[in-house]
C-alpha atoms as a PDB file:
ATOM      1  CA  MET A   1      98.666 103.665  89.346  1.00  0.00           C
ATOM      2  CA  SER A   2      97.712 103.205  92.996  1.00  0.00           C
ATOM      3  CA  LEU A   3      95.899 100.022  93.992  1.00  0.00           C
ATOM      4  CA  THR A   4      92.996  99.714  96.382  1.00  0.00           C
ATOM      5  CA  ARG A   5      93.339  97.543  99.501  1.00  0.00           C
ATOM      6  CA  ARG A   6      90.994  95.005  97.829  1.00  0.00           C
ATOM      7  CA  GLN A   7      93.180  94.802  94.721  1.00  0.00           C
ATOM      8  CA  VAL A   8      96.349  94.338  96.762  1.00  0.00           C
ATOM      9  CA  THR A   9      94.700  91.624  98.858  1.00  0.00           C
ATOM     10  CA  THR A  10      93.447  89.782  95.769  1.00  0.00           C
ATOM     11  CA  ALA A  11      96.897  89.870  94.184  1.00  0.00           C
ATOM     12  CA  ALA A  12      98.561  88.648  97.355  1.00  0.00           C
ATOM     13  CA  LEU A  13      96.092  85.785  97.684  1.00  0.00           C
ATOM     14  CA  ALA A  14      96.821  84.709  94.133  1.00  0.00           C
ATOM     15  CA  ALA A  15     100.490  84.323  95.052  1.00  0.00           C
ATOM     16  CA  VAL A  16      99.929  82.274  98.205  1.00  0.00           C
ATOM     17  CA  PRO A  17     100.119  78.798  96.591  1.00  0.00           C
ATOM     18  CA  LEU A  18     103.629  79.576  95.313  1.00  0.00           C
ATOM     19  CA  ALA A  19     104.791  80.182  98.886  1.00  0.00           C
ATOM     20  CA  VAL A  20     103.413  76.990 100.400  1.00  0.00           C
ATOM     21  CA  ALA A  21     105.762  74.081 101.057  1.00  0.00           C
ATOM     22  CA  ALA A  22     103.313  71.227 101.401  1.00  0.00           C
ATOM     23  CA  ALA A  23     103.599  67.459 101.495  1.00  0.00           C
ATOM     24  CA  PRO A  24     101.394  65.305  99.209  1.00  0.00           C
ATOM     25  CA  SER A  25      97.838  64.914 100.472  1.00  0.00           C
ATOM     26  CA  ALA A  26      97.647  61.167  99.907  1.00  0.00           C
ATOM     27  CA  SER A  27      99.714  58.284 101.243  1.00  0.00           C
ATOM     28  CA  ALA A  28     101.387  55.591  99.162  1.00  0.00           C
ATOM     29  CA  HIS A  29      98.242  53.467  99.659  1.00  0.00           C
ATOM     30  CA  GLY A  30      95.998  56.152  98.215  1.00  0.00           C
ATOM     31  CA  SER A  31      94.264  57.167 101.440  1.00  0.00           C
ATOM     32  CA  ARG A  32      94.004  60.857 102.248  1.00  0.00           C
ATOM     33  CA  ARG A  33      95.978  61.936 105.300  1.00  0.00           C
ATOM     34  CA  PRO A  34      94.423  64.329 107.827  1.00  0.00           C
ATOM     35  CA  ARG A  35      94.792  67.971 106.839  1.00  0.00           C
ATOM     36  CA  ALA A  36      98.128  69.338 107.919  1.00  0.00           C
ATOM     37  CA  ARG A  37      98.201  72.536 109.890  1.00  0.00           C
ATOM     38  CA  THR A  38      99.752  75.438 108.038  1.00  0.00           C
ATOM     39  CA  LEU A  39     102.380  77.631 109.664  1.00  0.00           C
ATOM     40  CA  HIS A  40     102.079  81.073 108.052  1.00  0.00           C
ATOM     41  CA  ILE A  41     105.130  83.357 108.279  1.00  0.00           C
ATOM     42  CA  ALA A  42     104.651  87.133 108.311  1.00  0.00           C
ATOM     43  CA  GLY A  43     108.015  88.849 108.231  1.00  0.00           C
ATOM     44  CA  ASP A  44     110.743  90.663 106.361  1.00  0.00           C
ATOM     45  CA  SER A  45     113.736  89.823 104.173  1.00  0.00           C
ATOM     46  CA  THR A  46     115.499  87.746 106.816  1.00  0.00           C
ATOM     47  CA  ALA A  47     112.725  85.131 106.454  1.00  0.00           C
ATOM     48  CA  ALA A  48     111.502  85.722 102.900  1.00  0.00           C
ATOM     49  CA  GLN A  49     111.614  83.480  99.848  1.00  0.00           C
ATOM     50  CA  LYS A  50     114.491  84.482  97.559  1.00  0.00           C
ATOM     51  CA  TYR A  51     114.642  83.959  93.818  1.00  0.00           C
ATOM     52  CA  ALA A  52     117.356  83.075  91.341  1.00  0.00           C
ATOM     53  CA  ASP A  53     118.484  86.646  90.818  1.00  0.00           C
ATOM     54  CA  ALA A  54     119.233  86.983  94.561  1.00  0.00           C
ATOM     55  CA  ALA A  55     121.147  83.722  95.104  1.00  0.00           C
ATOM     56  CA  PRO A  56     122.933  82.840  97.351  1.00  0.00           C
ATOM     57  CA  GLU A  57     120.862  85.078  99.653  1.00  0.00           C
ATOM     58  CA  THR A  58     118.461  82.829 101.584  1.00  0.00           C
ATOM     59  CA  GLY A  59     115.610  83.542 103.986  1.00  0.00           C
ATOM     60  CA  TRP A  60     115.287  81.261 106.991  1.00  0.00           C
ATOM     61  CA  GLY A  61     111.691  80.556 105.970  1.00  0.00           C
ATOM     62  CA  MET A  62     113.062  78.731 102.923  1.00  0.00           C
ATOM     63  CA  ALA A  63     114.862  76.242 105.183  1.00  0.00           C
ATOM     64  CA  LEU A  64     112.173  75.752 107.835  1.00  0.00           C
ATOM     65  CA  PRO A  65     110.215  73.040 105.942  1.00  0.00           C
ATOM     66  CA  TYR A  66     113.242  70.724 106.152  1.00  0.00           C
ATOM     67  CA  PHE A  67     112.773  70.616 109.939  1.00  0.00           C
ATOM     68  CA  LEU A  68     109.029  69.930 109.859  1.00  0.00           C
ATOM     69  CA  ASN A  69     107.135  66.713 109.194  1.00  0.00           C
ATOM     70  CA  ARG A  70     104.088  66.177 106.978  1.00  0.00           C
ATOM     71  CA  THR A  71     101.849  67.295 109.827  1.00  0.00           C
ATOM     72  CA  VAL A  72     102.837  70.940 109.265  1.00  0.00           C
ATOM     73  CA  ASP A  73     102.964  72.886 105.999  1.00  0.00           C
ATOM     74  CA  VAL A  74     104.733  76.236 105.635  1.00  0.00           C
ATOM     75  CA  ALA A  75     103.276  79.263 103.850  1.00  0.00           C
ATOM     76  CA  ASN A  76     106.000  81.896 103.682  1.00  0.00           C
ATOM     77  CA  HIS A  77     104.403  85.329 103.216  1.00  0.00           C
ATOM     78  CA  ALA A  78     107.495  87.282 104.355  1.00  0.00           C
ATOM     79  CA  VAL A  79     108.612  90.013 101.948  1.00  0.00           C
ATOM     80  CA  ASN A  80     111.816  92.016 101.673  1.00  0.00           C
ATOM     81  CA  GLY A  81     111.827  95.424 103.291  1.00  0.00           C
ATOM     82  CA  ARG A  82     108.546  95.209 105.179  1.00  0.00           C
ATOM     83  CA  SER A  83     107.818  96.368 108.698  1.00  0.00           C
ATOM     84  CA  SER A  84     104.918  95.397 110.925  1.00  0.00           C
ATOM     85  CA  LYS A  85     103.181  98.535 109.611  1.00  0.00           C
ATOM     86  CA  SER A  86     103.901  98.397 105.874  1.00  0.00           C
ATOM     87  CA  PHE A  87     103.009  94.688 105.717  1.00  0.00           C
ATOM     88  CA  ILE A  88      99.536  95.577 106.990  1.00  0.00           C
ATOM     89  CA  ASP A  89      99.174  98.738 104.902  1.00  0.00           C
ATOM     90  CA  GLU A  90      99.874  96.768 101.718  1.00  0.00           C
ATOM     91  CA  GLY A  91      97.069  94.316 102.493  1.00  0.00           C
ATOM     92  CA  ARG A  92      99.392  91.398 103.188  1.00  0.00           C
ATOM     93  CA  LEU A  93      97.958  90.603 106.611  1.00  0.00           C
ATOM     94  CA  ASP A  94      94.474  90.689 105.075  1.00  0.00           C
ATOM     95  CA  ALA A  95      95.634  88.096 102.533  1.00  0.00           C
ATOM     96  CA  ILE A  96      96.917  85.786 105.262  1.00  0.00           C
ATOM     97  CA  LEU A  97      93.742  86.151 107.307  1.00  0.00           C
ATOM     98  CA  ALA A  98      91.649  85.322 104.248  1.00  0.00           C
ATOM     99  CA  ALA A  99      93.592  82.066 103.805  1.00  0.00           C
ATOM    100  CA  ILE A 100      94.246  81.030 107.403  1.00  0.00           C
ATOM    101  CA  ARG A 101      92.106  78.279 108.936  1.00  0.00           C
ATOM    102  CA  PRO A 102      91.246  77.156 112.468  1.00  0.00           C
ATOM    103  CA  GLY A 103      94.182  75.300 113.998  1.00  0.00           C
ATOM    104  CA  ASP A 104      96.759  77.014 111.792  1.00  0.00           C
ATOM    105  CA  LEU A 105      99.694  79.022 113.154  1.00  0.00           C
ATOM    106  CA  LEU A 106     100.742  82.605 112.376  1.00  0.00           C
ATOM    107  CA  LEU A 107     104.395  83.308 113.171  1.00  0.00           C
ATOM    108  CA  VAL A 108     105.142  87.049 113.181  1.00  0.00           C
ATOM    109  CA  GLN A 109     108.704  88.416 113.072  1.00  0.00           C
ATOM    110  CA  PHE A 110     109.282  92.115 112.402  1.00  0.00           C
ATOM    111  CA  GLY A 111     111.681  94.715 113.765  1.00  0.00           C
ATOM    112  CA  HIS A 112     114.523  95.358 111.327  1.00  0.00           C
ATOM    113  CA  ASN A 113     112.540  97.777 109.188  1.00  0.00           C
ATOM    114  CA  ASP A 114     110.302  99.145 111.939  1.00  0.00           C
ATOM    115  CA  SER A 115     113.336 101.069 113.180  1.00  0.00           C
ATOM    116  CA  LYS A 116     113.756 103.107 109.962  1.00  0.00           C
ATOM    117  CA  SER A 117     112.713 106.452 111.429  1.00  0.00           C
ATOM    118  CA  GLU A 118     113.478 108.255 108.162  1.00  0.00           C
ATOM    119  CA  ASP A 119     110.733 106.292 106.386  1.00  0.00           C
ATOM    120  CA  PRO A 120     107.203 107.044 107.649  1.00  0.00           C
ATOM    121  CA  ALA A 121     105.764 104.196 105.546  1.00  0.00           C
ATOM    122  CA  ARG A 122     107.660 101.686 107.673  1.00  0.00           C
ATOM    123  CA  TYR A 123     108.639 103.302 110.967  1.00  0.00           C
ATOM    124  CA  THR A 124     106.983 102.309 114.229  1.00  0.00           C
ATOM    125  CA  GLU A 125     107.912 103.322 117.771  1.00  0.00           C
ATOM    126  CA  PRO A 126     108.764 100.251 119.900  1.00  0.00           C
ATOM    127  CA  TRP A 127     106.441 100.781 122.853  1.00  0.00           C
ATOM    128  CA  THR A 128     103.459 102.276 121.038  1.00  0.00           C
ATOM    129  CA  THR A 129     102.831 101.827 117.309  1.00  0.00           C
ATOM    130  CA  TYR A 130     105.013  98.706 116.985  1.00  0.00           C
ATOM    131  CA  GLN A 131     102.997  96.939 119.666  1.00  0.00           C
ATOM    132  CA  ASP A 132      99.750  98.311 118.234  1.00  0.00           C
ATOM    133  CA  HIS A 133     100.504  96.801 114.834  1.00  0.00           C
ATOM    134  CA  LEU A 134     101.613  93.470 116.286  1.00  0.00           C
ATOM    135  CA  ARG A 135      98.281  93.246 118.137  1.00  0.00           C
ATOM    136  CA  GLN A 136      96.516  93.301 114.783  1.00  0.00           C
ATOM    137  CA  TYR A 137      98.293  90.067 113.816  1.00  0.00           C
ATOM    138  CA  VAL A 138      97.501  88.495 117.175  1.00  0.00           C
ATOM    139  CA  ASP A 139      93.848  89.529 117.170  1.00  0.00           C
ATOM    140  CA  GLY A 140      93.346  88.602 113.518  1.00  0.00           C
ATOM    141  CA  ALA A 141      94.724  85.080 113.976  1.00  0.00           C
ATOM    142  CA  ARG A 142      92.711  84.465 117.129  1.00  0.00           C
ATOM    143  CA  ALA A 143      89.497  85.703 115.532  1.00  0.00           C
ATOM    144  CA  ARG A 144      89.888  82.973 112.916  1.00  0.00           C
ATOM    145  CA  GLY A 145      90.692  80.164 115.336  1.00  0.00           C
ATOM    146  CA  ALA A 146      94.411  80.190 114.525  1.00  0.00           C
ATOM    147  CA  ARG A 147      97.260  80.505 117.003  1.00  0.00           C
ATOM    148  CA  PRO A 148      99.527  83.578 116.860  1.00  0.00           C
ATOM    149  CA  LEU A 149     103.240  83.321 117.647  1.00  0.00           C
ATOM    150  CA  LEU A 150     105.543  86.293 118.207  1.00  0.00           C
ATOM    151  CA  ALA A 151     109.239  85.986 117.355  1.00  0.00           C
ATOM    152  CA  THR A 152     111.928  88.537 118.134  1.00  0.00           C
ATOM    153  CA  SER A 153     113.963  89.461 115.067  1.00  0.00           C
ATOM    154  CA  VAL A 154     117.071  87.493 114.230  1.00  0.00           C
ATOM    155  CA  GLU A 155     120.218  89.437 115.058  1.00  0.00           C
ATOM    156  CA  ARG A 156     122.639  90.929 112.569  1.00  0.00           C
ATOM    157  CA  ARG A 157     126.311  90.019 112.413  1.00  0.00           C
ATOM    158  CA  ARG A 158     127.885  92.769 114.513  1.00  0.00           C
ATOM    159  CA  PHE A 159     130.913  92.417 116.802  1.00  0.00           C
ATOM    160  CA  SER A 160     132.865  94.771 119.047  1.00  0.00           C
ATOM    161  CA  ALA A 161     136.635  95.112 118.739  1.00  0.00           C
ATOM    162  CA  ASP A 162     137.113  92.421 121.388  1.00  0.00           C
ATOM    163  CA  GLY A 163     134.923  89.920 119.509  1.00  0.00           C
ATOM    164  CA  THR A 164     131.723  90.311 121.523  1.00  0.00           C
ATOM    165  CA  ALA A 165     128.503  89.864 119.544  1.00  0.00           C
ATOM    166  CA  GLN A 166     126.509  93.105 119.684  1.00  0.00           C
ATOM    167  CA  ARG A 167     122.779  93.769 119.769  1.00  0.00           C
ATOM    168  CA  SER A 168     121.541  95.965 116.922  1.00  0.00           C
ATOM    169  CA  LEU A 169     117.753  95.987 117.213  1.00  0.00           C
ATOM    170  CA  GLY A 170     117.235  98.617 119.894  1.00  0.00           C
ATOM    171  CA  GLU A 171     114.153  98.252 122.073  1.00  0.00           C
ATOM    172  CA  TYR A 172     112.082  96.296 119.569  1.00  0.00           C
ATOM    173  CA  PRO A 173     112.894  92.837 121.026  1.00  0.00           C
ATOM    174  CA  ALA A 174     112.046  94.020 124.546  1.00  0.00           C
ATOM    175  CA  ALA A 175     108.783  95.563 123.341  1.00  0.00           C
ATOM    176  CA  LEU A 176     107.811  92.333 121.581  1.00  0.00           C
ATOM    177  CA  ARG A 177     108.659  90.233 124.644  1.00  0.00           C
ATOM    178  CA  ALA A 178     106.493  92.480 126.802  1.00  0.00           C
ATOM    179  CA  LEU A 179     103.594  92.268 124.348  1.00  0.00           C
ATOM    180  CA  ALA A 180     103.837  88.464 124.171  1.00  0.00           C
ATOM    181  CA  ALA A 181     103.619  88.281 127.959  1.00  0.00           C
ATOM    182  CA  GLU A 182     100.728  90.754 128.093  1.00  0.00           C
ATOM    183  CA  GLU A 183      98.736  88.944 125.397  1.00  0.00           C
ATOM    184  CA  GLY A 184      99.610  85.409 126.487  1.00  0.00           C
ATOM    185  CA  VAL A 185     101.219  84.618 123.144  1.00  0.00           C
ATOM    186  CA  ALA A 186     104.004  82.056 122.741  1.00  0.00           C
ATOM    187  CA  LEU A 187     107.349  83.860 122.397  1.00  0.00           C
ATOM    188  CA  LEU A 188     110.132  82.583 120.148  1.00  0.00           C
ATOM    189  CA  ASP A 189     113.157  84.569 121.319  1.00  0.00           C
ATOM    190  CA  ILE A 190     115.177  84.284 118.123  1.00  0.00           C
ATOM    191  CA  GLU A 191     117.062  87.517 118.842  1.00  0.00           C
ATOM    192  CA  ALA A 192     118.604  86.085 122.014  1.00  0.00           C
ATOM    193  CA  LEU A 193     119.238  82.658 120.486  1.00  0.00           C
ATOM    194  CA  SER A 194     120.851  84.006 117.327  1.00  0.00           C
ATOM    195  CA  LEU A 195     123.012  86.435 119.317  1.00  0.00           C
ATOM    196  CA  ALA A 196     124.279  83.511 121.411  1.00  0.00           C
ATOM    197  CA  LEU A 197     124.971  81.502 118.249  1.00  0.00           C
ATOM    198  CA  TRP A 198     126.921  84.330 116.613  1.00  0.00           C
ATOM    199  CA  GLN A 199     128.913  84.742 119.839  1.00  0.00           C
ATOM    200  CA  GLU A 200     129.717  81.020 119.863  1.00  0.00           C
ATOM    201  CA  LEU A 201     130.838  81.091 116.229  1.00  0.00           C
ATOM    202  CA  GLY A 202     132.822  84.327 116.478  1.00  0.00           C
ATOM    203  CA  PRO A 203     133.571  87.146 114.001  1.00  0.00           C
ATOM    204  CA  GLU A 204     135.299  85.067 111.332  1.00  0.00           C
ATOM    205  CA  GLU A 205     133.181  81.923 111.349  1.00  0.00           C
ATOM    206  CA  THR A 206     129.935  83.895 111.163  1.00  0.00           C
ATOM    207  CA  LYS A 207     130.986  85.238 107.757  1.00  0.00           C
ATOM    208  CA  LYS A 208     130.173  81.749 106.451  1.00  0.00           C
ATOM    209  CA  TYR A 209     126.549  82.181 107.588  1.00  0.00           C
ATOM    210  CA  PHE A 210     125.800  85.599 106.141  1.00  0.00           C
ATOM    211  CA  ASN A 211     125.577  86.735 102.543  1.00  0.00           C
ATOM    212  CA  TRP A 212     129.254  87.507 102.123  1.00  0.00           C
ATOM    213  CA  THR A 213     130.280  87.212  98.475  1.00  0.00           C
ATOM    214  CA  ALA A 214     133.079  88.525  96.295  1.00  0.00           C
ATOM    215  CA  THR A 215     131.063  91.681  95.680  1.00  0.00           C
ATOM    216  CA  GLU A 216     129.035  92.084  98.870  1.00  0.00           C
ATOM    217  CA  GLN A 217     129.572  91.974 102.623  1.00  0.00           C
ATOM    218  CA  ASP A 218     126.030  91.676 103.974  1.00  0.00           C
ATOM    219  CA  ASN A 219     125.740  91.343 107.752  1.00  0.00           C
ATOM    220  CA  THR A 220     121.937  91.137 107.816  1.00  0.00           C
ATOM    221  CA  HIS A 221     120.906  88.509 105.275  1.00  0.00           C
ATOM    222  CA  PHE A 222     121.877  84.847 105.171  1.00  0.00           C
ATOM    223  CA  ASN A 223     123.356  82.367 102.762  1.00  0.00           C
ATOM    224  CA  PRO A 224     122.163  78.718 102.903  1.00  0.00           C
ATOM    225  CA  PRO A 225     124.167  77.721 106.041  1.00  0.00           C
ATOM    226  CA  GLY A 226     122.905  80.769 107.907  1.00  0.00           C
ATOM    227  CA  ALA A 227     119.285  80.283 106.879  1.00  0.00           C
ATOM    228  CA  ILE A 228     119.474  76.624 107.878  1.00  0.00           C
ATOM    229  CA  ALA A 229     120.990  77.531 111.255  1.00  0.00           C
ATOM    230  CA  VAL A 230     118.278  80.093 112.022  1.00  0.00           C
ATOM    231  CA  ALA A 231     115.488  77.788 110.817  1.00  0.00           C
ATOM    232  CA  ARG A 232     116.834  75.163 113.206  1.00  0.00           C
ATOM    233  CA  LEU A 233     116.562  77.687 116.064  1.00  0.00           C
ATOM    234  CA  VAL A 234     112.958  78.413 115.063  1.00  0.00           C
ATOM    235  CA  ALA A 235     112.042  74.719 114.892  1.00  0.00           C
ATOM    236  CA  ARG A 236     113.632  74.028 118.270  1.00  0.00           C
ATOM    237  CA  GLU A 237     111.716  76.911 119.824  1.00  0.00           C
ATOM    238  CA  LEU A 238     108.449  75.690 118.329  1.00  0.00           C
ATOM    239  CA  LEU A 239     109.089  72.353 120.017  1.00  0.00           C
ATOM    240  CA  ARG A 240     110.360  73.827 123.297  1.00  0.00           C
ATOM    241  CA  ARG A 241     107.376  76.134 123.581  1.00  0.00           C
ATOM    242  CA  ARG A 242     105.080  73.163 122.877  1.00  0.00           C
ATOM    243  CA  VAL A 243     103.640  74.856 119.833  1.00  0.00           C
ATOM    244  CA  LEU A 244     104.610  71.690 117.952  1.00  0.00           C
ATOM    245  CA  LEU A 245     104.982  68.121 119.188  1.00  0.00           C
ATOM    246  CA  SER A 246     107.907  65.784 118.625  1.00  0.00           C
ATOM    247  CA  ARG A 247     105.953  64.111 115.812  1.00  0.00           C
ATOM    248  CA  ASP A 248     105.862  67.471 113.984  1.00  0.00           C
ATOM    249  CA  VAL A 249     109.615  68.095 113.802  1.00  0.00           C
ATOM    250  CA  ARG A 250     112.583  66.257 112.322  1.00  0.00           C
ATOM    251  CA  ARG A 251     116.313  66.561 111.643  1.00  0.00           C
ATOM    252  CA  LEU A 252     116.944  68.900 114.580  1.00  0.00           C
ATOM    253  CA  LYS A 253     120.364  67.308 115.091  1.00  0.00           C
ATOM    254  CA  ASP A 254     121.070  66.440 111.470  1.00  0.00           C
ATOM    255  CA  GLU A 255     123.123  68.272 108.886  1.00  0.00           C
ATOM    256  CA  ILE A 256     120.971  69.775 106.154  1.00  0.00           C
ATOM    257  CA  PRO A 257     122.841  69.811 102.813  1.00  0.00           C
ATOM    258  CA  GLU A 258     123.211  73.272 101.307  1.00  0.00           C
ATOM    259  CA  SER A 259     122.188  71.737  97.980  1.00  0.00           C
ATOM    260  CA  TRP A 260     118.630  71.340  99.305  1.00  0.00           C
ATOM    261  CA  ILE A 261     118.209  75.119  99.124  1.00  0.00           C
ATOM    262  CA  THR A 262     117.009  76.205  95.695  1.00  0.00           C
ATOM    263  CA  TRP A 263     116.054  79.559  94.229  1.00  0.00           C
ATOM    264  CA  PRO A 264     113.176  79.493  91.738  1.00  0.00           C
ATOM    265  CA  GLU A 265     112.927  81.950  88.895  1.00  0.00           C
ATOM    266  CA  ALA A 266     110.988  85.046  89.889  1.00  0.00           C
END
């Protein structure tokens, strides 16, 4: 049975509280703290919440709350397999825009699935339809008094024979950078930062950051150390770009125990 846009939006809204990592609203003395801003994540499987049946696969959005203070909550709306287009077509952007409030943040990271030219439900062309869809996120956030943020996609684990980390995302990062400049939107260049990190770690050490198991060699998705490492890059960029203040972030230089990552039942 096909669902209407309204039905999809209603269902997505019902799931939002499960995706929010929020601190308690009252202090130890019983006084209510000022409302925290919410950082909404719109993205794909590299950021998404994973459940027990997918462990140890981990989205970087699952680790981001460990780098943020009580002044910022995280609502992770990212979903496996989505592109900038399919996320909108399924009513997921509508659900975010129905929940977002003035002063909130909308962090948008798509690109991996936009390149799937064999799939018209997801494919976008970098310099036309990809940018057109990203503008819908930017315009929607701004219309509601929220601040949009554009992030280039995190890089895959791909090395040349001589051990050089390789780009795999085509022109999508360049198209997003150009759109961020054109629209005056803060750019989090996670593609460049993650590529530099994979180069620093090298072909063998990076296996410890991706979802390499006894039965799978996944060079796109992360395990807990990889998700933590990418979330740290995101938090640092939020601070560097002055999206967040020093009071909003924590543990940027600390080790985050892998045991802090948990996978709820679906």
